[in-house]
Amino acid sequence: MRAQSAAACQAGLGGSAQEAGDTAADTAADMAGNMAWIAGGSFLMGSDRHYPEEAPAHPVSVDGFFIDIAPVTNRDFARFVSATGHVTLAERPPRPEDYPGADPDLLVPGSLVFAPPVEDGGPRGWRRWWRFTPGADWRHPQGPDSSVDARMDHPVVHVCHGDALAYARWAGKELPSEAEWEFAARAGLDGADYAWGDELAPGGVHRANTWQGRFPVENLAEDGHVGTSPVSAFPPNGFGLFDMIGNVWEWTDDWYRPRHRERAGKPCCIPRNPRGGSALESLDLLAPGAASPRKVLKGGSHLCAPSYCRRYRPAARQPQTLDTASAHIGFRCVRRVALPTRTS
């Protein structure tokens, strides 16, 4: 997938003191309406019934936190860009020194766009349906001739991890840990396959924007959508959160590990506010070229299908390099609350 250097993606994370002050004033008033309080607690994280990277299922606990009730939308992101002048990774040309020997014609701003092939090309044929498209970015999600004018309530896409982190810092928030994200997605349904229970489409009603039909060549759009959808198009989960499943994958701030850590041997030792592995552990040493650090994505997207990628579940997880943006990756933010220190 399209990638620049991790340093390039992390560029632009700073901001002026005036911008930070403006953020506090602008966001305080609407914080309560745009975020939900998650009281925290213990839950069974992961799954032993699906993909190996989700195992082992293991008990953890998280402290309470606020979380955005929906993914960051194009409208939200436009406000951020207007206030800060932020330029996303997809809008910047790759640096030639990061790609020795690369075709200069390909070193142009752009991002990955889904393009359905005539034939699926087999289970490992993803390169046949993902195309690096010059001019594709958050303002032009399908390429230079497209626009978000009619999609302001859709989740912003074509944002790399650094773009998401820059937004979060501007808003006085953070990106969630994987445990926080999964706890919020489950909404108390501990051990359930989906964020609403154990049936993908209860009563034949779709509860999230996913793919119906033979992926990637046939999208029946039984859920009413092809591509992304407005963030409130489907019912919220039990915590009042929209789109925790489907629509777009969401960045977390945890480094990826190929498996969860083993279960704690004693109830007293259940991990509290666990975080992922290390940047070194996240590297895929078998990938072609130089290995790049990877963060955890959660939630699945509108491209997840029963026939190909059954990752429209709270336990599902996928690695993504810091410097990759695409048409099906977005994010939401959290705000953590410092608990008072107990004194004797």
Protein backbone atom coordinates (compact mmCIF):
# COMPACT_ATOMS: atom_id res chain seq x y z
CA MET A 1 0.00 0.00 0.00
CA ARG A 2 1.03 3.60 -0.52
CA ALA A 3 3.45 4.71 2.15
CA GLN A 4 5.83 7.56 2.80
CA SER A 5 8.32 7.69 5.62
CA ALA A 6 6.94 7.52 9.14
CA ALA A 7 8.68 10.80 9.81
CA ALA A 8 6.73 12.40 6.97
CA CYS A 9 3.44 11.21 8.39
CA GLN A 10 4.31 12.54 11.82
CA ALA A 11 5.24 15.95 10.40
CA GLY A 12 2.88 18.77 11.23
CA LEU A 13 1.89 17.47 14.66
CA GLY A 14 2.83 20.72 16.28
CA GLY A 15 0.68 23.83 16.56
CA SER A 16 0.93 27.34 17.83
CA ALA A 17 -0.03 28.36 21.35
CA GLN A 18 -2.79 30.48 19.84
CA GLU A 19 -4.19 27.43 18.00
CA ALA A 20 -4.12 25.45 21.24
CA GLY A 21 -5.96 28.24 23.04
CA ASP A 22 -8.51 28.51 20.29
CA THR A 23 -9.07 24.76 20.52
CA ALA A 24 -9.87 24.86 24.21
CA ALA A 25 -12.38 27.66 23.70
CA ASP A 26 -13.96 26.21 20.58
CA THR A 27 -14.34 22.62 21.73
CA ALA A 28 -15.30 22.99 25.40
CA ALA A 29 -18.87 24.05 24.61
CA ASP A 30 -19.69 21.10 22.38
CA MET A 31 -17.67 18.42 24.16
CA ALA A 32 -20.64 16.97 26.02
CA GLY A 33 -22.74 16.71 22.85
CA ASN A 34 -20.05 15.07 20.75
CA MET A 35 -18.59 12.63 23.28
CA ALA A 36 -19.99 9.93 25.54
CA TRP A 37 -18.74 9.01 29.00
CA ILE A 38 -17.70 5.35 29.26
CA ALA A 39 -17.61 4.40 32.92
CA GLY A 40 -14.90 1.79 32.53
CA GLY A 41 -14.76 -1.71 33.95
CA SER A 42 -13.54 -5.21 33.17
CA PHE A 43 -14.27 -7.22 30.03
CA LEU A 44 -13.04 -10.15 27.94
CA MET A 45 -10.82 -8.67 25.23
CA GLY A 46 -10.14 -10.54 21.98
CA SER A 47 -11.63 -13.78 20.71
CA ASP A 48 -10.64 -17.42 20.35
CA ARG A 49 -13.29 -18.10 17.67
CA HIS A 50 -12.08 -16.13 14.67
CA TYR A 51 -8.71 -14.92 13.34
CA PRO A 52 -5.50 -15.94 15.16
CA GLU A 53 -4.38 -12.37 15.82
CA GLU A 54 -7.47 -11.86 18.01
CA ALA A 55 -6.41 -14.59 20.43
CA PRO A 56 -6.19 -15.32 23.22
CA ALA A 57 -9.38 -13.92 24.71
CA HIS A 58 -8.29 -12.47 28.03
CA PRO A 59 -9.76 -10.33 30.83
CA VAL A 60 -8.60 -6.72 31.13
CA SER A 61 -9.92 -3.57 32.77
CA VAL A 62 -10.00 0.05 31.66
CA ASP A 63 -10.59 3.27 33.56
CA GLY A 64 -13.41 5.57 32.56
CA PHE A 65 -12.97 7.87 29.57
CA PHE A 66 -14.87 10.05 27.12
CA ILE A 67 -15.07 8.92 23.49
CA ASP A 68 -16.42 10.57 20.35
CA ILE A 69 -19.91 9.28 19.66
CA ALA A 70 -19.03 8.95 15.96
CA PRO A 71 -15.96 8.90 13.72
CA VAL A 72 -14.47 12.28 12.85
CA THR A 73 -16.37 13.57 9.83
CA ASN A 74 -15.30 15.56 6.80
CA ARG A 75 -16.99 18.56 8.39
CA ASP A 76 -14.97 18.11 11.59
CA PHE A 77 -11.72 17.66 9.69
CA ALA A 78 -12.38 20.69 7.48
CA ARG A 79 -12.73 22.80 10.62
CA PHE A 80 -9.36 21.49 11.85
CA VAL A 81 -7.64 22.18 8.53
CA SER A 82 -9.12 25.68 8.37
CA ALA A 83 -7.82 26.45 11.88
CA THR A 84 -4.34 24.97 11.50
CA GLY A 85 -3.46 24.77 7.80
CA HIS A 86 -2.65 21.07 8.26
CA VAL A 87 -1.63 19.27 5.08
CA THR A 88 -2.25 15.53 5.15
CA LEU A 89 0.23 12.92 4.04
CA ALA A 90 -1.82 12.15 0.93
CA GLU A 91 -1.59 15.80 -0.12
CA ARG A 92 2.20 15.85 0.02
CA PRO A 93 4.52 14.38 -2.64
CA PRO A 94 6.63 11.45 -1.45
CA ARG A 95 10.27 12.27 -0.88
CA PRO A 96 12.55 10.68 -3.50
CA GLU A 97 15.08 9.72 -0.81
CA ASP A 98 12.47 7.48 0.78
CA TYR A 99 12.01 5.59 -2.50
CA PRO A 100 15.38 5.03 -4.16
CA GLY A 101 14.86 3.82 -7.71
CA ALA A 102 11.16 4.65 -7.77
CA ASP A 103 9.53 5.88 -10.96
CA PRO A 104 9.46 9.71 -10.61
CA ASP A 105 6.01 9.74 -12.20
CA LEU A 106 4.69 7.91 -9.13
CA LEU A 107 6.21 10.32 -6.60
CA VAL A 108 3.15 12.53 -6.57
CA PRO A 109 0.49 13.31 -3.96
CA GLY A 110 -2.21 10.65 -3.81
CA SER A 111 -3.64 7.73 -1.87
CA LEU A 112 -5.18 4.28 -2.17
CA VAL A 113 -8.67 4.03 -3.70
CA PHE A 114 -10.80 0.91 -3.97
CA ALA A 115 -11.52 -0.04 -7.60
CA PRO A 116 -13.58 -3.24 -8.07
CA PRO A 117 -11.96 -5.61 -10.59
CA VAL A 118 -13.85 -7.65 -13.15
CA GLU A 119 -12.65 -10.84 -11.44
CA ASP A 120 -11.60 -11.24 -7.84
CA GLY A 121 -8.09 -12.60 -8.53
CA GLY A 122 -8.11 -14.97 -5.56
CA PRO A 123 -7.86 -14.37 -1.81
CA ARG A 124 -4.44 -12.70 -2.00
CA GLY A 125 -5.23 -10.49 -4.97
CA TRP A 126 -5.78 -7.23 -3.05
CA ARG A 127 -3.43 -5.33 -5.34
CA ARG A 128 -6.00 -5.83 -8.08
CA TRP A 129 -8.60 -3.74 -6.28
CA TRP A 130 -6.48 -1.15 -4.46
CA ARG A 131 -5.01 1.50 -6.75
CA PHE A 132 -2.68 4.32 -5.89
CA THR A 133 -4.60 7.26 -7.32
CA PRO A 134 -2.82 10.59 -7.87
CA GLY A 135 -4.88 13.41 -6.43
CA ALA A 136 -6.88 11.23 -4.03
CA ASP A 137 -7.00 12.76 -0.55
CA TRP A 138 -9.52 13.60 2.17
CA ARG A 139 -11.11 16.32 0.01
CA HIS A 140 -11.17 14.06 -3.06
CA PRO A 141 -11.86 10.55 -1.71
CA GLN A 142 -12.28 8.83 -5.09
CA GLY A 143 -9.67 10.87 -6.94
CA PRO A 144 -9.16 14.43 -8.20
CA ASP A 145 -12.57 14.64 -9.87
CA SER A 146 -14.47 13.70 -6.69
CA SER A 147 -15.51 15.88 -3.78
CA VAL A 148 -16.77 15.68 -0.19
CA ASP A 149 -19.31 18.45 -0.75
CA ALA A 150 -22.16 15.95 -0.46
CA ARG A 151 -20.34 13.84 2.13
CA MET A 152 -19.69 16.28 4.96
CA ASP A 153 -21.35 13.90 7.43
CA HIS A 154 -19.32 10.91 6.21
CA PRO A 155 -16.17 9.88 8.09
CA VAL A 156 -13.00 11.55 6.88
CA VAL A 157 -10.71 9.11 5.05
CA HIS A 158 -7.23 9.18 3.49
CA VAL A 159 -5.73 10.10 6.86
CA CYS A 160 -2.58 8.43 8.13
CA HIS A 161 -1.87 7.94 11.83
CA GLY A 162 -0.03 11.25 12.07
CA ASP A 163 -2.95 13.13 10.52
CA ALA A 164 -5.32 11.57 13.06
CA LEU A 165 -2.96 12.36 15.92
CA ALA A 166 -2.60 15.96 14.78
CA TYR A 167 -6.38 16.39 14.79
CA ALA A 168 -6.68 14.79 18.23
CA ARG A 169 -4.06 17.12 19.72
CA TRP A 170 -5.72 20.14 18.16
CA ALA A 171 -9.03 19.10 19.70
CA GLY A 172 -7.47 18.53 23.12
CA LYS A 173 -8.03 14.78 22.84
CA GLU A 174 -6.08 11.58 22.17
CA LEU A 175 -6.41 8.48 20.03
CA PRO A 176 -7.85 5.50 21.91
CA SER A 177 -5.94 2.46 23.04
CA GLU A 178 -7.07 -0.82 21.54
CA ALA A 179 -8.55 -1.87 24.89
CA GLU A 180 -10.51 1.38 25.27
CA TRP A 181 -11.81 1.10 21.72
CA GLU A 182 -12.90 -2.52 22.12
CA PHE A 183 -14.53 -1.92 25.51
CA ALA A 184 -16.55 0.95 24.03
CA ALA A 185 -17.51 -1.10 20.96
CA ARG A 186 -18.75 -4.04 23.02
CA ALA A 187 -21.00 -1.80 25.13
CA GLY A 188 -21.36 -4.41 27.84
CA LEU A 189 -22.00 -7.39 25.54
CA ASP A 190 -19.02 -9.31 26.85
CA GLY A 191 -17.95 -12.13 24.55
CA ALA A 192 -20.54 -11.39 21.84
CA ASP A 193 -19.37 -11.65 18.24
CA TYR A 194 -20.86 -8.32 17.18
CA ALA A 195 -21.45 -4.98 18.85
CA TRP A 196 -25.19 -5.80 18.99
CA GLY A 197 -25.14 -9.55 19.75
CA ASP A 198 -24.21 -12.82 18.04
CA GLU A 199 -26.12 -12.42 14.74
CA LEU A 200 -24.70 -10.34 11.89
CA ALA A 201 -28.06 -9.11 10.60
CA PRO A 202 -30.71 -9.86 13.25
CA GLY A 203 -34.11 -10.25 11.65
CA GLY A 204 -32.50 -9.57 8.27
CA VAL A 205 -31.72 -5.96 9.29
CA HIS A 206 -28.18 -4.74 8.74
CA ARG A 207 -26.72 -2.94 11.74
CA ALA A 208 -23.57 -1.61 10.07
CA ASN A 209 -22.17 -0.56 6.71
CA THR A 210 -20.45 -3.68 5.40
CA TRP A 211 -20.24 -5.54 2.08
CA GLN A 212 -22.99 -7.88 0.91
CA GLY A 213 -22.28 -10.05 -2.09
CA ARG A 214 -19.18 -11.66 -3.59
CA PHE A 215 -16.24 -9.46 -2.67
CA PRO A 216 -14.71 -7.62 -4.48
CA VAL A 217 -16.73 -7.93 -7.68
CA GLU A 218 -20.36 -7.87 -6.49
CA ASN A 219 -21.74 -5.41 -3.96
CA LEU A 220 -25.47 -5.98 -3.49
CA ALA A 221 -25.69 -2.95 -1.16
CA GLU A 222 -28.44 -4.60 0.87
CA ASP A 223 -27.57 -2.20 3.69
CA GLY A 224 -28.36 0.75 1.41
CA HIS A 225 -24.82 1.98 0.88
CA VAL A 226 -21.93 1.60 -1.53
CA GLY A 227 -18.78 3.12 -0.09
CA THR A 228 -18.88 5.19 3.07
CA SER A 229 -22.11 6.34 4.68
CA PRO A 230 -23.16 9.18 7.01
CA VAL A 231 -21.94 8.44 10.53
CA SER A 232 -25.49 8.27 11.91
CA ALA A 233 -26.90 6.04 9.16
CA PHE A 234 -27.09 2.99 11.45
CA PRO A 235 -28.32 2.63 15.05
CA PRO A 236 -25.83 3.31 17.85
CA ASN A 237 -24.58 0.58 20.15
CA GLY A 238 -25.58 0.21 23.77
CA PHE A 239 -23.29 3.05 24.82
CA GLY A 240 -24.80 5.42 22.24
CA LEU A 241 -21.82 5.19 19.87
CA PHE A 242 -22.26 5.19 16.10
CA ASP A 243 -20.23 3.23 13.54
CA MET A 244 -18.07 1.31 15.98
CA ILE A 245 -18.45 -1.47 13.41
CA GLY A 246 -18.16 -1.04 9.64
CA ASN A 247 -18.07 2.11 7.50
CA VAL A 248 -14.34 2.81 8.09
CA TRP A 249 -11.51 1.20 9.99
CA GLU A 250 -10.37 3.37 12.90
CA TRP A 251 -6.85 4.17 14.07
CA THR A 252 -5.85 3.39 17.63
CA ASP A 253 -2.62 4.50 19.27
CA ASP A 254 -1.37 1.01 20.17
CA TRP A 255 1.52 -0.72 18.45
CA TYR A 256 0.45 -3.95 16.80
CA ARG A 257 1.38 -7.37 18.17
CA PRO A 258 0.57 -10.52 16.16
CA ARG A 259 -1.26 -11.95 19.19
CA HIS A 260 -2.58 -10.65 22.47
CA ARG A 261 -0.60 -11.38 25.60
CA GLU A 262 -1.55 -14.52 27.50
CA ARG A 263 -4.26 -14.47 30.13
CA ALA A 264 -3.30 -13.40 33.63
CA GLY A 265 -2.81 -16.41 35.87
CA LYS A 266 -4.67 -14.90 38.83
CA PRO A 267 -7.72 -12.61 39.13
CA CYS A 268 -5.57 -10.15 41.06
CA CYS A 269 -3.30 -9.70 38.05
CA ILE A 270 -5.80 -8.68 35.36
CA PRO A 271 -4.12 -5.95 33.26
CA ARG A 272 -5.44 -2.44 33.89
CA ASN A 273 -5.41 -0.03 30.92
CA PRO A 274 -3.22 -2.38 28.83
CA ARG A 275 -1.34 -1.05 25.84
CA GLY A 276 0.03 -2.82 22.79
CA GLY A 277 3.53 -4.01 22.12
CA SER A 278 6.51 -1.95 21.05
CA ALA A 279 7.32 -0.30 17.75
CA LEU A 280 9.90 -3.03 17.19
CA GLU A 281 7.36 -5.80 17.81
CA SER A 282 5.03 -4.17 15.29
CA LEU A 283 7.42 -4.59 12.36
CA ASP A 284 6.56 -7.09 9.65
CA LEU A 285 10.01 -8.43 8.86
CA LEU A 286 8.67 -10.51 5.97
CA ALA A 287 7.26 -7.51 4.12
CA PRO A 288 9.13 -6.44 0.96
CA GLY A 289 11.39 -3.44 1.37
CA ALA A 290 12.16 -1.71 4.62
CA ALA A 291 9.89 -2.73 7.51
CA SER A 292 7.72 0.07 8.85
CA PRO A 293 6.15 0.34 12.33
CA ARG A 294 2.45 -0.49 12.51
CA LYS A 295 -0.46 0.57 14.71
CA VAL A 296 -3.72 -1.32 15.37
CA LEU A 297 -6.85 -0.59 13.36
CA LYS A 298 -10.25 -1.60 14.73
CA GLY A 299 -13.85 -1.97 13.59
CA GLY A 300 -13.71 -3.15 9.99
CA SER A 301 -15.10 -1.15 7.09
CA HIS A 302 -17.66 -1.02 4.29
CA LEU A 303 -15.34 -3.40 2.41
CA CYS A 304 -15.53 -6.22 4.97
CA ALA A 305 -17.58 -9.17 3.69
CA PRO A 306 -18.51 -12.64 4.96
CA SER A 307 -16.73 -14.08 1.93
CA TYR A 308 -13.45 -12.26 2.43
CA CYS A 309 -12.81 -10.20 5.59
CA ARG A 310 -15.03 -10.98 8.56
CA ARG A 311 -13.55 -8.21 10.65
CA TYR A 312 -16.75 -6.29 11.35
CA ARG A 313 -16.51 -7.30 15.02
CA PRO A 314 -15.22 -5.63 18.22
CA ALA A 315 -12.46 -8.24 18.68
CA ALA A 316 -11.17 -7.89 15.12
CA ARG A 317 -7.89 -6.07 14.60
CA GLN A 318 -5.57 -5.30 11.75
CA PRO A 319 -2.08 -3.78 11.50
CA GLN A 320 -1.45 -0.67 9.45
CA THR A 321 1.79 1.17 8.84
CA LEU A 322 1.92 4.68 10.27
CA ASP A 323 2.41 6.20 6.85
CA THR A 324 -0.46 4.55 4.97
CA ALA A 325 -3.72 6.29 4.13
CA SER A 326 -6.63 4.86 2.16
CA ALA A 327 -10.29 5.29 1.26
CA HIS A 328 -11.51 3.09 4.13
CA ILE A 329 -9.52 4.29 7.16
CA GLY A 330 -10.71 7.00 9.55
CA PHE A 331 -10.61 7.57 13.31
CA ARG A 332 -12.31 8.86 16.44
CA CYS A 333 -10.84 10.35 19.61
CA VAL A 334 -10.97 9.91 23.36
CA ARG A 335 -10.43 12.17 26.32
CA ARG A 336 -9.02 10.59 29.46
CA VAL A 337 -9.83 11.89 32.91
CA ALA A 338 -7.13 11.99 35.57
CA LEU A 339 -8.48 10.23 38.65
CA PRO A 340 -7.73 11.79 42.06
CA THR A 341 -4.95 10.14 44.00
CA ARG A 342 -6.23 8.29 47.03
CA THR A 343 -4.59 9.35 50.28
CA SER A 344 -4.62 7.54 53.60
